[in-house]
Amino acid sequence: MAVQHLNKRNFKQTMEHNPFVIVDFWATWCEPCVVFKPVFEAASEAYPDVVFAMVNVDDEPEISSYFHVKQIPALMAVRDQILVDAQVGKMSRSELENAIQSWAGFDVTDIRRHFSEKALP
């Protein structure tokens, strides 16, 4: 699957309608970001059930500010609208694959139960 580019118009919808999203916060002037981009794109082809998305921090400062992104590249792994992990810095292909497998196996059941119990009167 091709990497999606997120902005204020499509960010929320992407998060709400996809069970597993990995977001790469990046910028064109960031050399580690540019080096990491082909690794991220290759992973998007290898894991078609995962949505791989990019947020350009210069074009979308509100999104990066909301998530307190201070360094790039920064990855954010979201499962069922729950942020399960965040990583700063470029990763090798094997490091990214290991992280994806870990994030895919993360059980969000207890987190969902916690928030559903909090919502009860």
N, C-alpha and C. Protein backbone atom coordinates (compact mmCIF):
# COMPACT_ATOMS: atom_id res chain seq x y z
N MET A 1 0.85 -1.18 0.00
CA MET A 1 0.00 0.00 0.00
C MET A 1 0.90 1.24 0.00
N ALA A 2 0.51 2.22 -0.72
CA ALA A 2 1.28 3.46 -0.79
C ALA A 2 1.18 4.23 0.52
N VAL A 3 2.21 4.98 0.81
CA VAL A 3 2.24 5.83 2.00
C VAL A 3 1.28 6.99 1.80
N GLN A 4 0.47 7.26 2.81
CA GLN A 4 -0.47 8.38 2.76
C GLN A 4 0.19 9.62 3.37
N HIS A 5 -0.21 10.77 2.89
CA HIS A 5 0.27 12.02 3.48
C HIS A 5 -0.89 12.63 4.26
N LEU A 6 -0.65 12.85 5.54
CA LEU A 6 -1.71 13.34 6.41
C LEU A 6 -1.60 14.84 6.61
N ASN A 7 -2.79 15.44 6.77
CA ASN A 7 -2.90 16.87 7.04
C ASN A 7 -4.09 17.08 7.96
N LYS A 8 -4.42 18.32 8.25
CA LYS A 8 -5.54 18.60 9.15
C LYS A 8 -6.86 18.04 8.64
N ARG A 9 -7.01 17.96 7.34
CA ARG A 9 -8.27 17.50 6.76
C ARG A 9 -8.47 15.99 6.87
N ASN A 10 -7.40 15.20 6.82
CA ASN A 10 -7.58 13.75 6.78
C ASN A 10 -7.00 13.00 7.97
N PHE A 11 -6.34 13.68 8.89
CA PHE A 11 -5.69 13.01 10.00
C PHE A 11 -6.69 12.25 10.88
N LYS A 12 -7.69 12.94 11.37
CA LYS A 12 -8.66 12.33 12.29
C LYS A 12 -9.38 11.15 11.63
N GLN A 13 -9.82 11.33 10.41
CA GLN A 13 -10.52 10.26 9.71
C GLN A 13 -9.62 9.03 9.52
N THR A 14 -8.37 9.26 9.19
CA THR A 14 -7.43 8.15 9.03
C THR A 14 -7.27 7.38 10.33
N MET A 15 -7.15 8.08 11.42
CA MET A 15 -6.99 7.42 12.72
C MET A 15 -8.25 6.67 13.13
N GLU A 16 -9.41 7.25 12.86
CA GLU A 16 -10.67 6.65 13.30
C GLU A 16 -11.09 5.45 12.46
N HIS A 17 -10.68 5.39 11.20
CA HIS A 17 -11.19 4.36 10.30
C HIS A 17 -10.18 3.27 9.95
N ASN A 18 -9.07 3.22 10.64
CA ASN A 18 -8.05 2.21 10.38
C ASN A 18 -7.57 1.62 11.69
N PRO A 19 -7.52 0.30 11.79
CA PRO A 19 -7.15 -0.33 13.06
C PRO A 19 -5.67 -0.23 13.42
N PHE A 20 -4.80 0.00 12.44
CA PHE A 20 -3.36 0.06 12.73
C PHE A 20 -2.74 1.10 11.80
N VAL A 21 -2.24 2.17 12.41
CA VAL A 21 -1.64 3.27 11.65
C VAL A 21 -0.26 3.57 12.23
N ILE A 22 0.72 3.71 11.35
CA ILE A 22 2.05 4.14 11.76
C ILE A 22 2.32 5.47 11.06
N VAL A 23 2.60 6.48 11.86
CA VAL A 23 2.80 7.83 11.34
C VAL A 23 4.27 8.21 11.48
N ASP A 24 4.84 8.68 10.39
CA ASP A 24 6.22 9.18 10.37
C ASP A 24 6.16 10.71 10.30
N PHE A 25 6.64 11.37 11.36
CA PHE A 25 6.76 12.82 11.36
C PHE A 25 8.13 13.15 10.79
N TRP A 26 8.17 14.01 9.78
CA TRP A 26 9.40 14.24 9.02
C TRP A 26 9.44 15.65 8.46
N ALA A 27 10.54 16.00 7.81
CA ALA A 27 10.68 17.26 7.09
C ALA A 27 11.68 17.06 5.95
N THR A 28 11.53 17.85 4.91
CA THR A 28 12.39 17.72 3.73
C THR A 28 13.84 18.07 4.03
N TRP A 29 14.09 18.95 4.98
CA TRP A 29 15.44 19.40 5.32
C TRP A 29 16.16 18.45 6.28
N CYS A 30 15.46 17.45 6.79
CA CYS A 30 15.99 16.53 7.80
C CYS A 30 16.67 15.35 7.11
N GLU A 31 18.00 15.31 7.15
CA GLU A 31 18.74 14.24 6.47
C GLU A 31 18.37 12.84 6.97
N PRO A 32 18.28 12.60 8.30
CA PRO A 32 17.86 11.26 8.74
C PRO A 32 16.46 10.90 8.25
N CYS A 33 15.59 11.90 8.12
CA CYS A 33 14.23 11.65 7.61
C CYS A 33 14.29 11.18 6.15
N VAL A 34 15.11 11.84 5.37
CA VAL A 34 15.25 11.50 3.95
C VAL A 34 15.85 10.11 3.80
N VAL A 35 16.82 9.76 4.65
CA VAL A 35 17.44 8.44 4.61
C VAL A 35 16.43 7.37 5.02
N PHE A 36 15.58 7.67 5.99
CA PHE A 36 14.60 6.72 6.50
C PHE A 36 13.41 6.51 5.57
N LYS A 37 13.09 7.49 4.75
CA LYS A 37 11.90 7.44 3.91
C LYS A 37 11.81 6.17 3.06
N PRO A 38 12.86 5.71 2.35
CA PRO A 38 12.74 4.47 1.57
C PRO A 38 12.49 3.23 2.44
N VAL A 39 13.01 3.22 3.65
CA VAL A 39 12.77 2.11 4.58
C VAL A 39 11.28 2.09 4.95
N PHE A 40 10.74 3.25 5.24
CA PHE A 40 9.33 3.39 5.61
C PHE A 40 8.43 3.00 4.44
N GLU A 41 8.77 3.45 3.24
CA GLU A 41 7.99 3.11 2.05
C GLU A 41 8.04 1.62 1.75
N ALA A 42 9.19 0.99 1.92
CA ALA A 42 9.30 -0.46 1.69
C ALA A 42 8.44 -1.23 2.69
N ALA A 43 8.41 -0.77 3.93
CA ALA A 43 7.58 -1.42 4.94
C ALA A 43 6.11 -1.30 4.59
N SER A 44 5.72 -0.19 3.98
CA SER A 44 4.31 -0.02 3.60
C SER A 44 3.89 -1.06 2.57
N GLU A 45 4.83 -1.47 1.73
CA GLU A 45 4.54 -2.51 0.74
C GLU A 45 4.53 -3.90 1.39
N ALA A 46 5.37 -4.10 2.38
CA ALA A 46 5.48 -5.41 3.04
C ALA A 46 4.33 -5.68 4.01
N TYR A 47 3.69 -4.64 4.50
CA TYR A 47 2.60 -4.78 5.48
C TYR A 47 1.35 -4.05 4.95
N PRO A 48 0.66 -4.67 4.00
CA PRO A 48 -0.49 -3.99 3.37
C PRO A 48 -1.69 -3.78 4.30
N ASP A 49 -1.73 -4.49 5.43
CA ASP A 49 -2.86 -4.32 6.36
C ASP A 49 -2.64 -3.15 7.32
N VAL A 50 -1.47 -2.53 7.25
CA VAL A 50 -1.15 -1.40 8.11
C VAL A 50 -1.16 -0.14 7.26
N VAL A 51 -1.72 0.94 7.80
CA VAL A 51 -1.68 2.22 7.11
C VAL A 51 -0.39 2.93 7.52
N PHE A 52 0.43 3.24 6.54
CA PHE A 52 1.66 4.00 6.74
C PHE A 52 1.39 5.42 6.27
N ALA A 53 1.65 6.37 7.15
CA ALA A 53 1.33 7.76 6.83
C ALA A 53 2.47 8.66 7.26
N MET A 54 2.56 9.79 6.57
CA MET A 54 3.60 10.77 6.87
C MET A 54 2.97 12.12 7.16
N VAL A 55 3.56 12.83 8.13
CA VAL A 55 3.16 14.19 8.44
C VAL A 55 4.41 15.06 8.30
N ASN A 56 4.36 16.01 7.38
CA ASN A 56 5.44 16.96 7.22
C ASN A 56 5.28 18.01 8.33
N VAL A 57 6.25 18.07 9.24
CA VAL A 57 6.12 18.95 10.40
C VAL A 57 6.11 20.43 10.02
N ASP A 58 6.69 20.77 8.88
CA ASP A 58 6.67 22.16 8.44
C ASP A 58 5.32 22.55 7.84
N ASP A 59 4.71 21.61 7.14
CA ASP A 59 3.41 21.88 6.52
C ASP A 59 2.24 21.74 7.49
N GLU A 60 2.41 20.90 8.51
CA GLU A 60 1.33 20.60 9.46
C GLU A 60 1.81 20.78 10.91
N PRO A 61 2.20 21.99 11.28
CA PRO A 61 2.74 22.19 12.63
C PRO A 61 1.72 21.93 13.74
N GLU A 62 0.44 22.09 13.45
CA GLU A 62 -0.58 21.85 14.48
C GLU A 62 -0.61 20.39 14.90
N ILE A 63 -0.45 19.48 13.93
CA ILE A 63 -0.48 18.05 14.24
C ILE A 63 0.75 17.67 15.06
N SER A 64 1.91 18.09 14.59
CA SER A 64 3.13 17.73 15.32
C SER A 64 3.15 18.38 16.71
N SER A 65 2.63 19.57 16.84
CA SER A 65 2.56 20.22 18.14
C SER A 65 1.60 19.47 19.07
N TYR A 66 0.47 19.05 18.54
CA TYR A 66 -0.51 18.31 19.35
C TYR A 66 0.12 17.06 19.96
N PHE A 67 0.98 16.38 19.19
CA PHE A 67 1.63 15.16 19.67
C PHE A 67 3.00 15.43 20.30
N HIS A 68 3.32 16.69 20.52
CA HIS A 68 4.56 17.10 21.19
C HIS A 68 5.80 16.55 20.49
N VAL A 69 5.79 16.56 19.18
CA VAL A 69 6.94 16.10 18.41
C VAL A 69 8.01 17.19 18.49
N LYS A 70 9.14 16.84 19.09
CA LYS A 70 10.24 17.78 19.27
C LYS A 70 11.44 17.43 18.41
N GLN A 71 11.57 16.14 18.05
CA GLN A 71 12.67 15.67 17.22
C GLN A 71 12.11 14.82 16.09
N ILE A 72 12.80 14.84 14.96
CA ILE A 72 12.39 14.03 13.83
C ILE A 72 13.60 13.32 13.25
N PRO A 73 13.39 12.20 12.59
CA PRO A 73 12.12 11.54 12.36
C PRO A 73 11.56 10.97 13.66
N ALA A 74 10.26 10.94 13.74
CA ALA A 74 9.56 10.39 14.89
C ALA A 74 8.42 9.51 14.36
N LEU A 75 8.35 8.31 14.88
CA LEU A 75 7.27 7.40 14.50
C LEU A 75 6.26 7.29 15.63
N MET A 76 5.00 7.17 15.26
CA MET A 76 3.92 7.00 16.20
C MET A 76 3.10 5.80 15.74
N ALA A 77 2.96 4.80 16.61
CA ALA A 77 2.18 3.60 16.29
C ALA A 77 0.84 3.68 17.01
N VAL A 78 -0.23 3.57 16.23
CA VAL A 78 -1.59 3.70 16.77
C VAL A 78 -2.38 2.45 16.42
N ARG A 79 -2.93 1.79 17.46
CA ARG A 79 -3.77 0.62 17.26
C ARG A 79 -5.16 0.94 17.81
N ASP A 80 -6.17 0.83 16.98
CA ASP A 80 -7.55 1.08 17.40
C ASP A 80 -7.67 2.41 18.14
N GLN A 81 -7.06 3.44 17.57
CA GLN A 81 -7.08 4.81 18.09
C GLN A 81 -6.35 4.97 19.42
N ILE A 82 -5.49 4.00 19.76
CA ILE A 82 -4.71 4.05 20.99
C ILE A 82 -3.24 4.15 20.62
N LEU A 83 -2.58 5.17 21.09
CA LEU A 83 -1.16 5.31 20.86
C LEU A 83 -0.43 4.26 21.68
N VAL A 84 0.21 3.30 20.99
CA VAL A 84 0.87 2.21 21.70
C VAL A 84 2.37 2.40 21.83
N ASP A 85 2.97 3.24 21.00
CA ASP A 85 4.40 3.48 21.11
C ASP A 85 4.78 4.68 20.24
N ALA A 86 5.92 5.25 20.58
CA ALA A 86 6.50 6.31 19.77
C ALA A 86 8.01 6.13 19.81
N GLN A 87 8.65 6.36 18.68
CA GLN A 87 10.09 6.19 18.54
C GLN A 87 10.66 7.44 17.88
N VAL A 88 11.82 7.87 18.33
CA VAL A 88 12.49 9.01 17.71
C VAL A 88 13.77 8.50 17.07
N GLY A 89 14.01 8.95 15.85
CA GLY A 89 15.22 8.58 15.14
C GLY A 89 14.94 7.60 14.02
N LYS A 90 15.84 7.60 13.04
CA LYS A 90 15.65 6.67 11.93
C LYS A 90 15.91 5.25 12.40
N MET A 91 15.32 4.31 11.69
CA MET A 91 15.47 2.90 12.03
C MET A 91 15.94 2.15 10.79
N SER A 92 16.64 1.07 11.02
CA SER A 92 17.00 0.20 9.90
C SER A 92 15.77 -0.60 9.51
N ARG A 93 15.85 -1.26 8.40
CA ARG A 93 14.72 -2.08 7.94
C ARG A 93 14.36 -3.14 8.99
N SER A 94 15.36 -3.83 9.52
CA SER A 94 15.08 -4.88 10.51
C SER A 94 14.54 -4.29 11.81
N GLU A 95 15.05 -3.14 12.23
CA GLU A 95 14.53 -2.50 13.44
C GLU A 95 13.06 -2.11 13.25
N LEU A 96 12.73 -1.57 12.08
CA LEU A 96 11.34 -1.19 11.82
C LEU A 96 10.45 -2.43 11.76
N GLU A 97 10.91 -3.48 11.11
CA GLU A 97 10.11 -4.72 11.05
C GLU A 97 9.87 -5.29 12.44
N ASN A 98 10.90 -5.30 13.29
CA ASN A 98 10.72 -5.79 14.66
C ASN A 98 9.72 -4.93 15.42
N ALA A 99 9.81 -3.62 15.23
CA ALA A 99 8.87 -2.72 15.91
C ALA A 99 7.44 -2.95 15.43
N ILE A 100 7.26 -3.10 14.12
CA ILE A 100 5.92 -3.34 13.57
C ILE A 100 5.33 -4.62 14.13
N GLN A 101 6.12 -5.67 14.19
CA GLN A 101 5.64 -6.93 14.75
C GLN A 101 5.27 -6.79 16.22
N SER A 102 6.07 -6.03 16.95
CA SER A 102 5.77 -5.79 18.36
C SER A 102 4.47 -4.99 18.51
N TRP A 103 4.35 -3.94 17.72
CA TRP A 103 3.14 -3.12 17.78
C TRP A 103 1.90 -3.90 17.35
N ALA A 104 2.05 -4.76 16.35
CA ALA A 104 0.92 -5.57 15.88
C ALA A 104 0.45 -6.53 16.97
N GLY A 105 1.39 -7.01 17.78
CA GLY A 105 1.05 -7.96 18.83
C GLY A 105 0.61 -7.32 20.13
N PHE A 106 0.66 -6.01 20.20
CA PHE A 106 0.28 -5.31 21.43
C PHE A 106 -1.21 -5.49 21.70
N ASP A 107 -1.54 -5.99 22.87
CA ASP A 107 -2.93 -6.23 23.23
C ASP A 107 -3.53 -4.98 23.86
N VAL A 108 -4.49 -4.38 23.16
CA VAL A 108 -5.12 -3.15 23.65
C VAL A 108 -6.40 -3.42 24.45
N THR A 109 -6.69 -4.68 24.73
CA THR A 109 -7.93 -5.05 25.42
C THR A 109 -8.06 -4.36 26.78
N ASP A 110 -7.02 -4.43 27.59
CA ASP A 110 -7.09 -3.81 28.93
C ASP A 110 -7.25 -2.30 28.85
N ILE A 111 -6.61 -1.69 27.87
CA ILE A 111 -6.73 -0.24 27.71
C ILE A 111 -8.16 0.12 27.32
N ARG A 112 -8.73 -0.63 26.37
CA ARG A 112 -10.13 -0.38 25.98
C ARG A 112 -11.06 -0.55 27.18
N ARG A 113 -10.86 -1.62 27.94
CA ARG A 113 -11.71 -1.90 29.10
C ARG A 113 -11.59 -0.76 30.12
N HIS A 114 -10.39 -0.30 30.37
CA HIS A 114 -10.17 0.79 31.32
C HIS A 114 -10.98 2.02 30.93
N PHE A 115 -10.91 2.41 29.66
CA PHE A 115 -11.61 3.62 29.24
C PHE A 115 -13.12 3.41 29.14
N SER A 116 -13.56 2.20 28.83
CA SER A 116 -15.00 1.97 28.79
C SER A 116 -15.57 2.00 30.22
N GLU A 117 -14.82 1.53 31.19
CA GLU A 117 -15.27 1.58 32.59
C GLU A 117 -15.29 3.03 33.09
N LYS A 118 -14.34 3.85 32.65
CA LYS A 118 -14.30 5.25 33.04
C LYS A 118 -15.49 6.01 32.47
N ALA A 119 -15.99 5.56 31.33
CA ALA A 119 -17.10 6.25 30.67
C ALA A 119 -18.43 5.97 31.33
N LEU A 120 -18.51 4.91 32.11
CA LEU A 120 -19.75 4.56 32.78
C LEU A 120 -20.05 5.54 33.91
N PRO A 121 -21.34 5.89 34.12
CA PRO A 121 -21.68 6.83 35.20
C PRO A 121 -21.51 6.22 36.58
